Each structure stands twice: as C-alpha cells, then as structure tokens.
Amino acid sequence: MQKVKKLPQRQCVGCRTMKEKRELIRVVKSPEGEISLDFGGKKPGRGAYVCPSAECLKRARKSRALERTFETAIPESVYDALEKEMERGE
C-alpha cells in the first residue's frame, strides 16, 4: 500500500479559506521587525499567509489581519510595497 503524503494547509488572512501552503504567499515579520513577502517560504520569522491576489491583500489590510497576527502596527507604505512585490511575483 502506497502512503499518501499530506500537503500542509494554511489559512489566507484575507479570505479566511484553507489552501495548500504552496498556493499561498507568506508574509513574514523578521526577528528585526521587518515585514516582507516570502515567495520561497524559507525566511526566518513569524509568518502569515495570503492568496496571491491583490483582492485578498486588500481584504487583509481592511480587516487589520496582519496587525493582529504580528501584534504590531503596519504602516501604509509596507502594504503598498507588498502590493508592488506581489504584482512582480505573479
């Protein structure tokens, strides 16, 4: 009997749906407190996941989901940079 490998699931902070980890983009807060996108999923720090759509990032921004996850205020400039980075990453 062949063993089926379970794929890790994560929840998008924007739309709140569970998806495979590799389908989502990781937003990471580094130990230094810097917020950035992690397309490879390997950067050190606390992570939150968002669908690769600007709509989910907007929803996460509106609901302040990333602020709650990282327990810190996130400046508008960081969200703008995340949107630009996301557009480049697609």
Protein backbone atom coordinates (compact mmCIF):
# COMPACT_ATOMS: atom_id res chain seq x y z
CA MET A 1 0.00 0.00 0.00
CA GLN A 2 1.37 3.38 -1.02
CA LYS A 3 1.49 6.13 1.58
CA VAL A 4 -0.24 9.37 0.54
CA LYS A 5 1.76 12.43 1.52
CA LYS A 6 -0.33 15.04 3.31
CA LEU A 7 0.22 18.54 1.99
CA PRO A 8 0.41 21.28 4.62
CA GLN A 9 -2.63 23.57 4.70
CA ARG A 10 -2.63 27.23 5.73
CA GLN A 11 -5.39 29.83 6.05
CA CYS A 12 -5.36 33.03 4.00
CA VAL A 13 -5.64 36.05 6.33
CA GLY A 14 -7.68 37.87 3.65
CA CYS A 15 -10.42 35.44 2.56
CA ARG A 16 -10.01 33.01 5.52
CA THR A 17 -10.04 29.91 3.27
CA MET A 18 -7.76 26.92 3.81
CA LYS A 19 -5.44 26.21 0.89
CA GLU A 20 -2.26 24.28 0.24
CA LYS A 21 0.74 26.10 1.67
CA ARG A 22 2.49 26.29 -1.72
CA GLU A 23 -0.52 28.09 -3.31
CA LEU A 24 -0.21 30.98 -0.85
CA ILE A 25 2.32 33.77 -0.38
CA ARG A 26 3.92 34.03 3.04
CA VAL A 27 4.12 37.45 4.66
CA VAL A 28 6.90 37.34 7.24
CA LYS A 29 7.91 39.52 10.16
CA SER A 30 11.64 39.05 10.67
CA PRO A 31 13.21 38.90 14.13
CA GLU A 32 14.28 42.54 13.49
CA GLY A 33 10.63 43.51 12.94
CA GLU A 34 10.81 43.98 9.16
CA ILE A 35 7.72 42.89 7.18
CA SER A 36 8.22 41.39 3.70
CA LEU A 37 6.86 38.79 1.27
CA ASP A 38 8.48 35.37 1.25
CA PHE A 39 7.83 33.60 -2.06
CA GLY A 40 10.07 30.65 -1.16
CA GLY A 41 8.68 30.12 2.35
CA LYS A 42 12.15 29.90 3.91
CA LYS A 43 12.76 33.32 5.50
CA PRO A 44 13.14 33.29 9.29
CA GLY A 45 10.43 34.88 11.42
CA ARG A 46 6.71 34.78 12.12
CA GLY A 47 4.61 34.06 9.05
CA ALA A 48 1.08 34.75 7.87
CA TYR A 49 -0.31 33.56 4.56
CA VAL A 50 -2.26 35.39 1.86
CA CYS A 51 -3.63 34.31 -1.52
CA PRO A 52 -1.61 35.61 -4.49
CA SER A 53 -4.31 38.15 -5.35
CA ALA A 54 -4.41 41.87 -4.67
CA GLU A 55 -8.04 41.39 -3.55
CA CYS A 56 -7.04 39.18 -0.60
CA LEU A 57 -4.27 41.60 0.40
CA LYS A 58 -6.81 44.47 0.32
CA ARG A 59 -9.19 42.44 2.49
CA ALA A 60 -6.40 41.61 4.96
CA ARG A 61 -5.49 45.32 5.05
CA LYS A 62 -9.09 46.38 5.70
CA SER A 63 -9.65 43.83 8.49
CA ARG A 64 -6.21 44.59 10.01
CA ALA A 65 -5.49 40.83 9.98
CA LEU A 66 -1.72 41.27 9.61
CA GLU A 67 -1.62 43.76 12.50
CA ARG A 68 -3.32 41.18 14.73
CA THR A 69 -1.10 38.34 13.53
CA PHE A 70 2.16 40.23 14.02
CA GLU A 71 0.93 42.23 17.06
CA THR A 72 2.33 45.45 15.61
CA ALA A 73 1.16 48.46 13.61
CA ILE A 74 1.88 48.09 9.91
CA PRO A 75 2.50 51.36 8.02
CA GLU A 76 0.62 52.03 4.75
CA SER A 77 3.97 52.13 2.92
CA VAL A 78 4.53 48.46 3.83
CA TYR A 79 1.16 47.46 2.33
CA ASP A 80 1.96 49.46 -0.82
CA ALA A 81 5.33 47.72 -1.08
CA LEU A 82 3.66 44.32 -0.54
CA GLU A 83 1.21 45.05 -3.37
CA LYS A 84 4.04 46.03 -5.73
CA GLU A 85 6.08 42.97 -4.70
CA MET A 86 3.04 40.75 -5.26
CA GLU A 87 2.49 42.18 -8.76
CA ARG A 88 6.13 41.47 -9.62
CA GLY A 89 5.97 37.96 -8.14
CA GLU A 90 2.97 36.82 -10.21
